[in-house]
């Protein structure tokens, strides 16, 4: 499909579509789930050396032991890349290699005792998140959304949903996390077809966080719970590709704001068209009525959780609720509580 002609599009409408669409809402809630699970696993359950990238390996091995080659095939990656990732999970103590009962010369990958506990704790946390989501949007609405997400996941990522999985119900949080990987890859494929061949999945951490007035690296880092250096490195790559430029912050001369170039604005228009294509593909699988219900529920969740509320606001207005959420993500429960106690103490005059 050819690239979209931005001269024929209402700019305000385009930005509104870019900021408010079902894939953004779905990915935003999925990211909230991932960060919430990671923080709880580390702070309350005592699991250390965790990475979000461990999730698919823990999920698949929970369903049964398998050889490295089988795991690589299911994930759609090379055996070498899979082995490198497995070594990281193994070093953290969550995977072990045991003798293959069908071939004494071969090894199979097995969850360790810590890995099994990690998996159980993760499911328990996601269950609590689902209960919280049901309170926010309604239990029937969340259940219907879970059914739609389950249908999409089985159709679009069948290899990661083996039939002997022992999950007895569709957890919306877990399904969102799994489907989000497909959404990001599919949108990148669609944008590739429109001429944007230099894109990477990691670029979404920056591209989706820039509004008409630009975006600040610090806000992006806080929203994704990563370092400012990581966001800056991605921004540098996008500058080299011609999508972004850095300009002085009108509110703080010491800071810079990331702005889209004309090529970046064309990418926004093409991305909106790609989201429309993806929506049509989802509708063909679950039907228009189920798609609308799912979109409405995810939008309600996105709003109720106040996700990315101030990302596009460069006016300097402080959102206390969002600031508190970002601080909890960065500091953890104990340090956040300590900070609150310090803030409540009477101010002292400097000597």
C-alpha atoms as a PDB file:
ATOM      1  CA  UNK A   1       0.000   0.000   0.000  1.00  0.00           C
ATOM      2  CA  UNK A   2       1.462   3.437  -0.888  1.00  0.00           C
ATOM      3  CA  UNK A   3       2.321   5.982   1.784  1.00  0.00           C
ATOM      4  CA  UNK A   4      -0.465   8.289   2.874  1.00  0.00           C
ATOM      5  CA  UNK A   5      -0.581  11.816   1.441  1.00  0.00           C
ATOM      6  CA  UNK A   6      -0.561  14.085   4.490  1.00  0.00           C
ATOM      7  CA  UNK A   7      -1.630  17.107   2.416  1.00  0.00           C
ATOM      8  CA  UNK A   8      -5.174  15.703   2.144  1.00  0.00           C
ATOM      9  CA  UNK A   9      -5.610  14.987   5.877  1.00  0.00           C
ATOM     10  CA  UNK A  10      -7.017  17.178   8.630  1.00  0.00           C
ATOM     11  CA  UNK A  11      -3.952  17.602  10.873  1.00  0.00           C
ATOM     12  CA  UNK A  12      -5.911  17.881  14.127  1.00  0.00           C
ATOM     13  CA  UNK A  13      -7.934  14.798  13.256  1.00  0.00           C
ATOM     14  CA  UNK A  14      -4.754  12.912  12.370  1.00  0.00           C
ATOM     15  CA  UNK A  15      -3.128  13.683  15.715  1.00  0.00           C
ATOM     16  CA  UNK A  16      -6.303  12.746  17.556  1.00  0.00           C
ATOM     17  CA  UNK A  17      -6.366   9.382  15.744  1.00  0.00           C
ATOM     18  CA  UNK A  18      -2.670   8.879  16.529  1.00  0.00           C
ATOM     19  CA  UNK A  19      -3.179   9.621  20.216  1.00  0.00           C
ATOM     20  CA  UNK A  20      -6.441   7.693  20.571  1.00  0.00           C
ATOM     21  CA  UNK A  21      -6.724   4.325  18.872  1.00  0.00           C
ATOM     22  CA  UNK A  22      -7.347   0.787  20.032  1.00  0.00           C
ATOM     23  CA  UNK A  23      -3.754  -0.439  19.574  1.00  0.00           C
ATOM     24  CA  UNK A  24      -2.423   2.386  21.741  1.00  0.00           C
ATOM     25  CA  UNK A  25      -4.960   1.605  24.455  1.00  0.00           C
ATOM     26  CA  UNK A  26      -4.215  -2.114  24.270  1.00  0.00           C
ATOM     27  CA  UNK A  27      -0.438  -1.629  24.390  1.00  0.00           C
ATOM     28  CA  UNK A  28      -0.753   0.922  27.206  1.00  0.00           C
ATOM     29  CA  UNK A  29      -2.739  -1.461  29.419  1.00  0.00           C
ATOM     30  CA  UNK A  30      -0.373  -4.326  28.523  1.00  0.00           C
ATOM     31  CA  UNK A  31       2.614  -2.224  29.575  1.00  0.00           C
ATOM     32  CA  UNK A  32       0.852  -1.349  32.837  1.00  0.00           C
ATOM     33  CA  UNK A  33       0.334  -5.071  33.508  1.00  0.00           C
ATOM     34  CA  UNK A  34       3.951  -5.916  32.740  1.00  0.00           C
ATOM     35  CA  UNK A  35       5.363  -3.203  35.000  1.00  0.00           C
ATOM     36  CA  UNK A  36       2.946  -4.022  37.814  1.00  0.00           C
ATOM     37  CA  UNK A  37       3.795  -7.710  37.681  1.00  0.00           C
ATOM     38  CA  UNK A  38       7.538  -7.064  37.522  1.00  0.00           C
ATOM     39  CA  UNK A  39       7.505  -4.648  40.455  1.00  0.00           C
ATOM     40  CA  UNK A  40       5.386  -6.958  42.614  1.00  0.00           C
ATOM     41  CA  UNK A  41       7.489 -10.022  41.799  1.00  0.00           C
ATOM     42  CA  UNK A  42      10.644  -8.197  42.796  1.00  0.00           C
ATOM     43  CA  UNK A  43       9.455  -6.217  45.811  1.00  0.00           C
ATOM     44  CA  UNK A  44       6.890  -8.505  47.423  1.00  0.00           C
ATOM     45  CA  UNK A  45       7.812 -11.995  46.200  1.00  0.00           C
ATOM     46  CA  UNK A  46      11.589 -11.721  46.410  1.00  0.00           C
ATOM     47  CA  UNK A  47      12.389 -12.644  42.799  1.00  0.00           C
ATOM     48  CA  UNK A  48      15.615 -11.031  41.634  1.00  0.00           C
ATOM     49  CA  UNK A  49      17.420 -10.434  38.347  1.00  0.00           C
ATOM     50  CA  UNK A  50      14.153 -10.363  36.408  1.00  0.00           C
ATOM     51  CA  UNK A  51      13.672  -8.971  32.915  1.00  0.00           C
ATOM     52  CA  UNK A  52      10.499  -8.540  30.909  1.00  0.00           C
ATOM     53  CA  UNK A  53      12.136 -10.581  28.152  1.00  0.00           C
ATOM     54  CA  UNK A  54      12.023 -13.668  30.421  1.00  0.00           C
ATOM     55  CA  UNK A  55       8.225 -13.816  30.239  1.00  0.00           C
ATOM     56  CA  UNK A  56       7.707 -15.899  27.042  1.00  0.00           C
ATOM     57  CA  UNK A  57      10.279 -18.493  28.144  1.00  0.00           C
ATOM     58  CA  UNK A  58       8.729 -18.916  31.598  1.00  0.00           C
ATOM     59  CA  UNK A  59       5.245 -19.035  30.074  1.00  0.00           C
ATOM     60  CA  UNK A  60       6.099 -21.711  27.505  1.00  0.00           C
ATOM     61  CA  UNK A  61       8.165 -23.923  29.815  1.00  0.00           C
ATOM     62  CA  UNK A  62       5.391 -23.788  32.365  1.00  0.00           C
ATOM     63  CA  UNK A  63       3.307 -25.697  29.854  1.00  0.00           C
ATOM     64  CA  UNK A  64       5.912 -28.460  29.639  1.00  0.00           C
ATOM     65  CA  UNK A  65       9.599 -29.217  29.214  1.00  0.00           C
ATOM     66  CA  UNK A  66      11.002 -28.853  25.709  1.00  0.00           C
ATOM     67  CA  UNK A  67      14.211 -28.835  23.726  1.00  0.00           C
ATOM     68  CA  UNK A  68      15.925 -25.597  22.780  1.00  0.00           C
ATOM     69  CA  UNK A  69      15.153 -26.151  19.092  1.00  0.00           C
ATOM     70  CA  UNK A  70      11.452 -26.572  19.846  1.00  0.00           C
ATOM     71  CA  UNK A  71      11.384 -23.424  21.969  1.00  0.00           C
ATOM     72  CA  UNK A  72      13.154 -21.436  19.227  1.00  0.00           C
ATOM     73  CA  UNK A  73      10.643 -22.681  16.631  1.00  0.00           C
ATOM     74  CA  UNK A  74       7.660 -21.684  18.772  1.00  0.00           C
ATOM     75  CA  UNK A  75       9.076 -18.200  19.360  1.00  0.00           C
ATOM     76  CA  UNK A  76      10.024 -17.795  15.712  1.00  0.00           C
ATOM     77  CA  UNK A  77      13.681 -16.964  16.407  1.00  0.00           C
ATOM     78  CA  UNK A  78      17.002 -18.586  15.565  1.00  0.00           C
ATOM     79  CA  UNK A  79      18.384 -21.316  17.801  1.00  0.00           C
ATOM     80  CA  UNK A  80      21.410 -19.126  18.533  1.00  0.00           C
ATOM     81  CA  UNK A  81      19.262 -16.168  19.652  1.00  0.00           C
ATOM     82  CA  UNK A  82      17.093 -18.492  21.737  1.00  0.00           C
ATOM     83  CA  UNK A  83      20.141 -20.047  23.399  1.00  0.00           C
ATOM     84  CA  UNK A  84      21.513 -16.612  24.331  1.00  0.00           C
ATOM     85  CA  UNK A  85      18.190 -15.638  25.906  1.00  0.00           C
ATOM     86  CA  UNK A  86      17.856 -18.965  27.718  1.00  0.00           C
ATOM     87  CA  UNK A  87      21.335 -18.552  29.192  1.00  0.00           C
ATOM     88  CA  UNK A  88      20.200 -15.268  30.784  1.00  0.00           C
ATOM     89  CA  UNK A  89      17.108 -16.901  32.290  1.00  0.00           C
ATOM     90  CA  UNK A  90      19.257 -19.845  33.372  1.00  0.00           C
ATOM     91  CA  UNK A  91      21.817 -17.556  35.012  1.00  0.00           C
ATOM     92  CA  UNK A  92      19.005 -15.922  36.991  1.00  0.00           C
ATOM     93  CA  UNK A  93      18.107 -19.364  38.333  1.00  0.00           C
ATOM     94  CA  UNK A  94      14.708 -19.868  36.681  1.00  0.00           C
ATOM     95  CA  UNK A  95      15.590 -22.525  34.075  1.00  0.00           C
ATOM     96  CA  UNK A  96      17.657 -25.700  34.291  1.00  0.00           C
ATOM     97  CA  UNK A  97      18.786 -28.209  31.663  1.00  0.00           C
ATOM     98  CA  UNK A  98      17.851 -31.822  32.331  1.00  0.00           C
ATOM     99  CA  UNK A  99      18.293 -35.084  30.460  1.00  0.00           C
ATOM    100  CA  UNK A 100      15.793 -35.657  27.657  1.00  0.00           C
ATOM    101  CA  UNK A 101      13.892 -38.882  28.484  1.00  0.00           C
ATOM    102  CA  UNK A 102      13.549 -39.622  24.754  1.00  0.00           C
ATOM    103  CA  UNK A 103      17.245 -39.100  23.944  1.00  0.00           C
ATOM    104  CA  UNK A 104      19.880 -39.618  26.607  1.00  0.00           C
ATOM    105  CA  UNK A 105      22.400 -37.579  24.602  1.00  0.00           C
ATOM    106  CA  UNK A 106      20.158 -34.514  24.441  1.00  0.00           C
ATOM    107  CA  UNK A 107      19.081 -31.933  27.002  1.00  0.00           C
ATOM    108  CA  UNK A 108      15.715 -30.343  27.565  1.00  0.00           C
ATOM    109  CA  UNK A 109      14.805 -27.074  29.239  1.00  0.00           C
ATOM    110  CA  UNK A 110      12.908 -27.264  32.522  1.00  0.00           C
ATOM    111  CA  UNK A 111      11.647 -24.680  34.970  1.00  0.00           C
ATOM    112  CA  UNK A 112      13.658 -24.786  38.189  1.00  0.00           C
ATOM    113  CA  UNK A 113      12.019 -24.660  41.603  1.00  0.00           C
ATOM    114  CA  UNK A 114      12.465 -20.872  41.537  1.00  0.00           C
ATOM    115  CA  UNK A 115      11.037 -20.768  38.025  1.00  0.00           C
ATOM    116  CA  UNK A 116       7.935 -22.677  39.049  1.00  0.00           C
ATOM    117  CA  UNK A 117       7.434 -20.343  42.011  1.00  0.00           C
ATOM    118  CA  UNK A 118       7.930 -17.347  39.737  1.00  0.00           C
ATOM    119  CA  UNK A 119       5.268 -18.681  37.382  1.00  0.00           C
ATOM    120  CA  UNK A 120       2.780 -19.313  40.206  1.00  0.00           C
ATOM    121  CA  UNK A 121       3.406 -15.892  41.726  1.00  0.00           C
ATOM    122  CA  UNK A 122       3.008 -14.236  38.338  1.00  0.00           C
ATOM    123  CA  UNK A 123      -0.343 -15.891  37.697  1.00  0.00           C
ATOM    124  CA  UNK A 124      -1.573 -14.914  41.154  1.00  0.00           C
ATOM    125  CA  UNK A 125      -0.574 -11.273  40.569  1.00  0.00           C
ATOM    126  CA  UNK A 126      -2.254 -11.189  37.152  1.00  0.00           C
ATOM    127  CA  UNK A 127      -5.408 -12.659  38.709  1.00  0.00           C
ATOM    128  CA  UNK A 128      -5.471  -9.802  41.224  1.00  0.00           C
ATOM    129  CA  UNK A 129      -4.981  -7.304  38.403  1.00  0.00           C
ATOM    130  CA  UNK A 130      -7.914  -8.839  36.537  1.00  0.00           C
ATOM    131  CA  UNK A 131     -10.053  -8.452  39.662  1.00  0.00           C
ATOM    132  CA  UNK A 132      -9.026  -4.796  39.846  1.00  0.00           C
ATOM    133  CA  UNK A 133      -9.829  -4.313  36.164  1.00  0.00           C
ATOM    134  CA  UNK A 134     -13.272  -5.877  36.700  1.00  0.00           C
ATOM    135  CA  UNK A 135     -13.967  -3.302  39.404  1.00  0.00           C
ATOM    136  CA  UNK A 136     -13.018  -0.516  36.998  1.00  0.00           C
ATOM    137  CA  UNK A 137     -14.956  -1.588  33.892  1.00  0.00           C
ATOM    138  CA  UNK A 138     -17.388  -4.283  35.045  1.00  0.00           C
ATOM    139  CA  UNK A 139     -17.013  -8.043  35.374  1.00  0.00           C
ATOM    140  CA  UNK A 140     -19.147  -8.993  32.315  1.00  0.00           C
ATOM    141  CA  UNK A 141     -17.324  -6.472  30.124  1.00  0.00           C
ATOM    142  CA  UNK A 142     -13.928  -7.771  31.207  1.00  0.00           C
ATOM    143  CA  UNK A 143     -15.013 -11.393  30.695  1.00  0.00           C
ATOM    144  CA  UNK A 144     -16.189 -10.653  27.150  1.00  0.00           C
ATOM    145  CA  UNK A 145     -12.930  -8.839  26.412  1.00  0.00           C
ATOM    146  CA  UNK A 146     -11.006 -11.837  27.745  1.00  0.00           C
ATOM    147  CA  UNK A 147     -12.855 -14.130  25.327  1.00  0.00           C
ATOM    148  CA  UNK A 148     -12.042 -11.846  22.393  1.00  0.00           C
ATOM    149  CA  UNK A 149      -8.384 -11.568  23.377  1.00  0.00           C
ATOM    150  CA  UNK A 150      -8.183 -15.333  23.798  1.00  0.00           C
ATOM    151  CA  UNK A 151      -9.630 -15.876  20.309  1.00  0.00           C
ATOM    152  CA  UNK A 152      -7.197 -13.380  18.796  1.00  0.00           C
ATOM    153  CA  UNK A 153      -4.213 -14.867  20.603  1.00  0.00           C
ATOM    154  CA  UNK A 154      -5.056 -18.422  19.540  1.00  0.00           C
ATOM    155  CA  UNK A 155      -5.547 -17.334  15.940  1.00  0.00           C
ATOM    156  CA  UNK A 156      -2.581 -14.972  15.631  1.00  0.00           C
ATOM    157  CA  UNK A 157      -0.030 -16.637  17.927  1.00  0.00           C
ATOM    158  CA  UNK A 158      -1.098 -20.286  17.918  1.00  0.00           C
ATOM    159  CA  UNK A 159       2.361 -21.656  18.620  1.00  0.00           C
ATOM    160  CA  UNK A 160       2.597 -19.881  21.975  1.00  0.00           C
ATOM    161  CA  UNK A 161      -0.700 -21.382  23.175  1.00  0.00           C
ATOM    162  CA  UNK A 162      -0.140 -25.095  23.408  1.00  0.00           C
ATOM    163  CA  UNK A 163      -3.282 -27.187  23.909  1.00  0.00           C
ATOM    164  CA  UNK A 164      -2.130 -28.762  27.198  1.00  0.00           C
ATOM    165  CA  UNK A 165      -1.864 -25.426  28.978  1.00  0.00           C
ATOM    166  CA  UNK A 166      -3.437 -25.816  32.427  1.00  0.00           C
ATOM    167  CA  UNK A 167      -4.851 -22.290  32.657  1.00  0.00           C
ATOM    168  CA  UNK A 168      -8.568 -22.648  33.390  1.00  0.00           C
ATOM    169  CA  UNK A 169      -9.637 -19.147  32.415  1.00  0.00           C
ATOM    170  CA  UNK A 170      -8.517 -16.378  30.126  1.00  0.00           C
ATOM    171  CA  UNK A 171      -6.597 -13.809  32.156  1.00  0.00           C
ATOM    172  CA  UNK A 172      -6.942 -10.464  30.418  1.00  0.00           C
ATOM    173  CA  UNK A 173      -3.627  -9.225  31.796  1.00  0.00           C
ATOM    174  CA  UNK A 174      -1.685 -12.252  30.544  1.00  0.00           C
ATOM    175  CA  UNK A 175      -3.418 -12.251  27.152  1.00  0.00           C
ATOM    176  CA  UNK A 176      -2.707  -8.555  26.641  1.00  0.00           C
ATOM    177  CA  UNK A 177       0.982  -9.066  27.368  1.00  0.00           C
ATOM    178  CA  UNK A 178       1.148 -11.911  24.832  1.00  0.00           C
ATOM    179  CA  UNK A 179      -0.867 -10.159  22.124  1.00  0.00           C
ATOM    180  CA  UNK A 180       1.041  -6.881  22.488  1.00  0.00           C
ATOM    181  CA  UNK A 181       4.139  -8.479  20.926  1.00  0.00           C
ATOM    182  CA  UNK A 182       2.118  -9.477  17.875  1.00  0.00           C
ATOM    183  CA  UNK A 183       0.552  -6.018  17.565  1.00  0.00           C
ATOM    184  CA  UNK A 184       3.920  -4.253  17.593  1.00  0.00           C
ATOM    185  CA  UNK A 185       5.412  -6.659  15.040  1.00  0.00           C
ATOM    186  CA  UNK A 186       2.368  -6.451  12.757  1.00  0.00           C
ATOM    187  CA  UNK A 187       2.234  -2.654  12.823  1.00  0.00           C
ATOM    188  CA  UNK A 188       5.924  -2.553  11.974  1.00  0.00           C
ATOM    189  CA  UNK A 189       5.331  -4.918   9.032  1.00  0.00           C
ATOM    190  CA  UNK A 190       2.526  -2.701   7.748  1.00  0.00           C
ATOM    191  CA  UNK A 191       4.689   0.408   8.051  1.00  0.00           C
ATOM    192  CA  UNK A 192       7.547  -1.401   6.305  1.00  0.00           C
ATOM    193  CA  UNK A 193       5.210  -1.905   3.363  1.00  0.00           C
ATOM    194  CA  UNK A 194       4.614   1.857   3.287  1.00  0.00           C
ATOM    195  CA  UNK A 195       8.333   2.576   2.908  1.00  0.00           C
ATOM    196  CA  UNK A 196       9.481   2.882   6.527  1.00  0.00           C
ATOM    197  CA  UNK A 197      12.025   0.069   6.339  1.00  0.00           C
ATOM    198  CA  UNK A 198      14.411   1.309   9.029  1.00  0.00           C
ATOM    199  CA  UNK A 199      11.997   0.901  11.941  1.00  0.00           C
ATOM    200  CA  UNK A 200      12.702  -1.222  15.018  1.00  0.00           C
ATOM    201  CA  UNK A 201      10.308  -2.439  17.713  1.00  0.00           C
ATOM    202  CA  UNK A 202      12.209  -0.433  20.331  1.00  0.00           C
ATOM    203  CA  UNK A 203      11.398   2.805  18.481  1.00  0.00           C
ATOM    204  CA  UNK A 204       7.820   2.655  19.783  1.00  0.00           C
ATOM    205  CA  UNK A 205       9.080   3.790  23.193  1.00  0.00           C
ATOM    206  CA  UNK A 206       9.782   7.187  21.634  1.00  0.00           C
ATOM    207  CA  UNK A 207       7.496   7.493  18.604  1.00  0.00           C
ATOM    208  CA  UNK A 208       4.282   6.858  20.522  1.00  0.00           C
ATOM    209  CA  UNK A 209       5.184   9.439  23.170  1.00  0.00           C
ATOM    210  CA  UNK A 210       5.554  12.523  20.979  1.00  0.00           C
ATOM    211  CA  UNK A 211       2.649  14.903  20.434  1.00  0.00           C
ATOM    212  CA  UNK A 212       2.078  17.961  18.226  1.00  0.00           C
ATOM    213  CA  UNK A 213       4.260  20.073  20.547  1.00  0.00           C
ATOM    214  CA  UNK A 214       6.945  17.423  20.836  1.00  0.00           C
ATOM    215  CA  UNK A 215       8.016  15.186  23.697  1.00  0.00           C
ATOM    216  CA  UNK A 216      10.511  15.143  26.541  1.00  0.00           C
ATOM    217  CA  UNK A 217      12.967  12.309  27.070  1.00  0.00           C
ATOM    218  CA  UNK A 218      12.462  12.350  30.836  1.00  0.00           C
ATOM    219  CA  UNK A 219       8.691  11.816  30.489  1.00  0.00           C
ATOM    220  CA  UNK A 220       9.212   8.933  28.077  1.00  0.00           C
ATOM    221  CA  UNK A 221      11.726   7.258  30.375  1.00  0.00           C
ATOM    222  CA  UNK A 222       9.332   7.548  33.338  1.00  0.00           C
ATOM    223  CA  UNK A 223       6.383   6.163  31.350  1.00  0.00           C
ATOM    224  CA  UNK A 224       8.378   3.111  30.222  1.00  0.00           C
ATOM    225  CA  UNK A 225      10.344   2.719  33.470  1.00  0.00           C
ATOM    226  CA  UNK A 226      13.692   2.833  31.648  1.00  0.00           C
ATOM    227  CA  UNK A 227      16.709   5.121  31.824  1.00  0.00           C
ATOM    228  CA  UNK A 228      16.911   8.489  30.084  1.00  0.00           C
ATOM    229  CA  UNK A 229      20.060   7.211  28.360  1.00  0.00           C
ATOM    230  CA  UNK A 230      18.093   4.361  26.756  1.00  0.00           C
ATOM    231  CA  UNK A 231      15.458   6.752  25.387  1.00  0.00           C
ATOM    232  CA  UNK A 232      18.105   9.189  24.194  1.00  0.00           C
ATOM    233  CA  UNK A 233      19.878   6.413  22.276  1.00  0.00           C
ATOM    234  CA  UNK A 234      16.636   5.517  20.471  1.00  0.00           C
ATOM    235  CA  UNK A 235      16.008   9.195  19.705  1.00  0.00           C
ATOM    236  CA  UNK A 236      19.477   9.445  18.162  1.00  0.00           C
ATOM    237  CA  UNK A 237      18.695   6.536  15.818  1.00  0.00           C
ATOM    238  CA  UNK A 238      15.402   8.152  14.815  1.00  0.00           C
ATOM    239  CA  UNK A 239      17.218  11.430  14.120  1.00  0.00           C
ATOM    240  CA  UNK A 240      19.637   9.588  11.837  1.00  0.00           C
ATOM    241  CA  UNK A 241      16.669   8.130   9.930  1.00  0.00           C
ATOM    242  CA  UNK A 242      15.181  11.602   9.491  1.00  0.00           C
ATOM    243  CA  UNK A 243      12.074  11.153  11.655  1.00  0.00           C
ATOM    244  CA  UNK A 244      13.008  13.402  14.583  1.00  0.00           C
ATOM    245  CA  UNK A 245      14.896  16.558  15.446  1.00  0.00           C
ATOM    246  CA  UNK A 246      15.819  18.097  18.798  1.00  0.00           C
ATOM    247  CA  UNK A 247      14.761  21.660  19.590  1.00  0.00           C
ATOM    248  CA  UNK A 248      15.113  23.904  22.617  1.00  0.00           C
ATOM    249  CA  UNK A 249      12.394  23.429  25.239  1.00  0.00           C
ATOM    250  CA  UNK A 250      10.280  26.625  25.287  1.00  0.00           C
ATOM    251  CA  UNK A 251       9.751  26.200  29.060  1.00  0.00           C
ATOM    252  CA  UNK A 252      13.333  25.329  30.007  1.00  0.00           C
ATOM    253  CA  UNK A 253      16.260  26.489  27.881  1.00  0.00           C
ATOM    254  CA  UNK A 254      18.485  23.848  29.486  1.00  0.00           C
ATOM    255  CA  UNK A 255      16.326  21.026  28.099  1.00  0.00           C
ATOM    256  CA  UNK A 256      15.524  19.733  24.616  1.00  0.00           C
ATOM    257  CA  UNK A 257      12.235  18.642  23.094  1.00  0.00           C
ATOM    258  CA  UNK A 258      11.951  15.929  20.452  1.00  0.00           C
ATOM    259  CA  UNK A 259       9.934  17.071  17.427  1.00  0.00           C
ATOM    260  CA  UNK A 260       8.756  15.214  14.341  1.00  0.00           C
ATOM    261  CA  UNK A 261      10.271  16.250  11.023  1.00  0.00           C
ATOM    262  CA  UNK A 262       8.094  16.242   7.865  1.00  0.00           C
ATOM    263  CA  UNK A 263       9.218  12.641   7.317  1.00  0.00           C
ATOM    264  CA  UNK A 264       8.174  11.863  10.892  1.00  0.00           C
ATOM    265  CA  UNK A 265       4.756  13.418  10.305  1.00  0.00           C
ATOM    266  CA  UNK A 266       4.351  11.206   7.230  1.00  0.00           C
ATOM    267  CA  UNK A 267       5.145   8.226   9.443  1.00  0.00           C
ATOM    268  CA  UNK A 268       2.361   9.298  11.816  1.00  0.00           C
ATOM    269  CA  UNK A 269      -0.145   9.376   8.956  1.00  0.00           C
ATOM    270  CA  UNK A 270       1.001   5.971   7.710  1.00  0.00           C
ATOM    271  CA  UNK A 271       0.881   4.555  11.241  1.00  0.00           C
ATOM    272  CA  UNK A 272      -2.749   5.627  11.596  1.00  0.00           C
ATOM    273  CA  UNK A 273      -3.530   3.858   8.301  1.00  0.00           C
ATOM    274  CA  UNK A 274      -1.712   0.747   9.596  1.00  0.00           C
ATOM    275  CA  UNK A 275      -3.793   0.761  12.780  1.00  0.00           C
ATOM    276  CA  UNK A 276      -6.927   0.853  10.623  1.00  0.00           C
ATOM    277  CA  UNK A 277      -5.658  -2.166   8.695  1.00  0.00           C
ATOM    278  CA  UNK A 278      -4.901  -4.046  11.904  1.00  0.00           C
ATOM    279  CA  UNK A 279      -8.355  -3.243  13.247  1.00  0.00           C
ATOM    280  CA  UNK A 280      -9.912  -4.683  10.100  1.00  0.00           C
ATOM    281  CA  UNK A 281      -7.845  -7.853  10.515  1.00  0.00           C
ATOM    282  CA  UNK A 282      -8.983  -8.254  14.131  1.00  0.00           C
ATOM    283  CA  UNK A 283     -12.600  -7.650  13.131  1.00  0.00           C
ATOM    284  CA  UNK A 284     -12.369 -10.398  10.521  1.00  0.00           C
ATOM    285  CA  UNK A 285     -11.377 -12.839  13.292  1.00  0.00           C
ATOM    286  CA  UNK A 286     -13.746 -11.976  16.142  1.00  0.00           C
ATOM    287  CA  UNK A 287     -16.491 -10.004  14.389  1.00  0.00           C
ATOM    288  CA  UNK A 288     -17.361  -6.323  14.440  1.00  0.00           C
ATOM    289  CA  UNK A 289     -19.567  -6.483  17.554  1.00  0.00           C
ATOM    290  CA  UNK A 290     -16.913  -8.246  19.659  1.00  0.00           C
ATOM    291  CA  UNK A 291     -14.254  -5.877  18.334  1.00  0.00           C
ATOM    292  CA  UNK A 292     -16.279  -2.813  19.345  1.00  0.00           C
ATOM    293  CA  UNK A 293     -16.912  -4.252  22.809  1.00  0.00           C
ATOM    294  CA  UNK A 294     -13.219  -5.016  23.276  1.00  0.00           C
ATOM    295  CA  UNK A 295     -12.172  -1.562  22.067  1.00  0.00           C
ATOM    296  CA  UNK A 296     -14.637   0.168  24.408  1.00  0.00           C
ATOM    297  CA  UNK A 297     -13.475  -1.861  27.418  1.00  0.00           C
ATOM    298  CA  UNK A 298      -9.781  -1.280  26.730  1.00  0.00           C
ATOM    299  CA  UNK A 299     -10.405   2.439  26.284  1.00  0.00           C
ATOM    300  CA  UNK A 300     -12.273   2.520  29.612  1.00  0.00           C
ATOM    301  CA  UNK A 301      -9.353   0.726  31.288  1.00  0.00           C
ATOM    302  CA  UNK A 302      -6.831   3.046  29.654  1.00  0.00           C
ATOM    303  CA  UNK A 303      -8.717   6.075  30.978  1.00  0.00           C
ATOM    304  CA  UNK A 304      -9.382   4.627  34.436  1.00  0.00           C
ATOM    305  CA  UNK A 305      -5.704   3.776  34.926  1.00  0.00           C
ATOM    306  CA  UNK A 306      -4.714   7.294  33.745  1.00  0.00           C
ATOM    307  CA  UNK A 307      -2.109   5.868  31.391  1.00  0.00           C
ATOM    308  CA  UNK A 308       0.156   8.386  29.660  1.00  0.00           C
ATOM    309  CA  UNK A 309      -2.169  11.179  30.741  1.00  0.00           C
ATOM    310  CA  UNK A 310       0.378  13.972  30.540  1.00  0.00           C
ATOM    311  CA  UNK A 311       2.688  12.646  27.820  1.00  0.00           C
ATOM    312  CA  UNK A 312       1.450  15.183  25.248  1.00  0.00           C
ATOM    313  CA  UNK A 313       1.162  18.073  27.699  1.00  0.00           C
ATOM    314  CA  UNK A 314       4.273  20.274  27.583  1.00  0.00           C
ATOM    315  CA  UNK A 315       2.634  23.186  29.393  1.00  0.00           C
ATOM    316  CA  UNK A 316       4.385  22.426  32.647  1.00  0.00           C
ATOM    317  CA  UNK A 317       1.168  21.490  34.472  1.00  0.00           C
ATOM    318  CA  UNK A 318       1.869  18.901  37.171  1.00  0.00           C
ATOM    319  CA  UNK A 319      -0.439  15.869  37.366  1.00  0.00           C
ATOM    320  CA  UNK A 320      -0.080  14.667  40.968  1.00  0.00           C
ATOM    321  CA  UNK A 321      -1.731  11.281  40.344  1.00  0.00           C
ATOM    322  CA  UNK A 322       0.517  10.500  37.392  1.00  0.00           C
ATOM    323  CA  UNK A 323       3.583  11.763  39.229  1.00  0.00           C
ATOM    324  CA  UNK A 324       2.760   9.471  42.153  1.00  0.00           C
ATOM    325  CA  UNK A 325       2.364   6.476  39.825  1.00  0.00           C
ATOM    326  CA  UNK A 326       5.675   7.183  38.114  1.00  0.00           C
ATOM    327  CA  UNK A 327       7.445   7.540  41.460  1.00  0.00           C
ATOM    328  CA  UNK A 328       5.992   4.244  42.675  1.00  0.00           C
ATOM    329  CA  UNK A 329       7.314   2.556  39.550  1.00  0.00           C
ATOM    330  CA  UNK A 330      10.782   4.017  39.995  1.00  0.00           C
ATOM    331  CA  UNK A 331      11.179   3.870  43.780  1.00  0.00           C
ATOM    332  CA  UNK A 332       9.232   0.773  44.742  1.00  0.00           C
ATOM    333  CA  UNK A 333       6.732   0.426  47.576  1.00  0.00           C
ATOM    334  CA  UNK A 334       9.068   0.836  50.566  1.00  0.00           C
ATOM    335  CA  UNK A 335      10.987   3.841  49.199  1.00  0.00           C
ATOM    336  CA  UNK A 336       7.757   5.498  48.042  1.00  0.00           C
ATOM    337  CA  UNK A 337       6.352   5.176  51.548  1.00  0.00           C
ATOM    338  CA  UNK A 338       9.571   6.641  52.988  1.00  0.00           C
ATOM    339  CA  UNK A 339       9.341   9.576  50.571  1.00  0.00           C
ATOM    340  CA  UNK A 340       5.723  10.205  51.587  1.00  0.00           C
ATOM    341  CA  UNK A 341       6.723  10.318  55.243  1.00  0.00           C
ATOM    342  CA  UNK A 342       9.479  12.822  54.461  1.00  0.00           C
ATOM    343  CA  UNK A 343       7.076  15.038  52.503  1.00  0.00           C
ATOM    344  CA  UNK A 344       4.664  15.085  55.448  1.00  0.00           C
ATOM    345  CA  UNK A 345       7.318  16.229  57.877  1.00  0.00           C
ATOM    346  CA  UNK A 346       7.271  19.957  58.806  1.00  0.00           C
ATOM    347  CA  UNK A 347       9.576  22.033  56.651  1.00  0.00           C
ATOM    348  CA  UNK A 348      12.739  23.209  58.349  1.00  0.00           C
ATOM    349  CA  UNK A 349      14.379  26.561  57.745  1.00  0.00           C
ATOM    350  CA  UNK A 350      17.838  26.365  56.194  1.00  0.00           C
ATOM    351  CA  UNK A 351      20.654  27.507  58.433  1.00  0.00           C
END
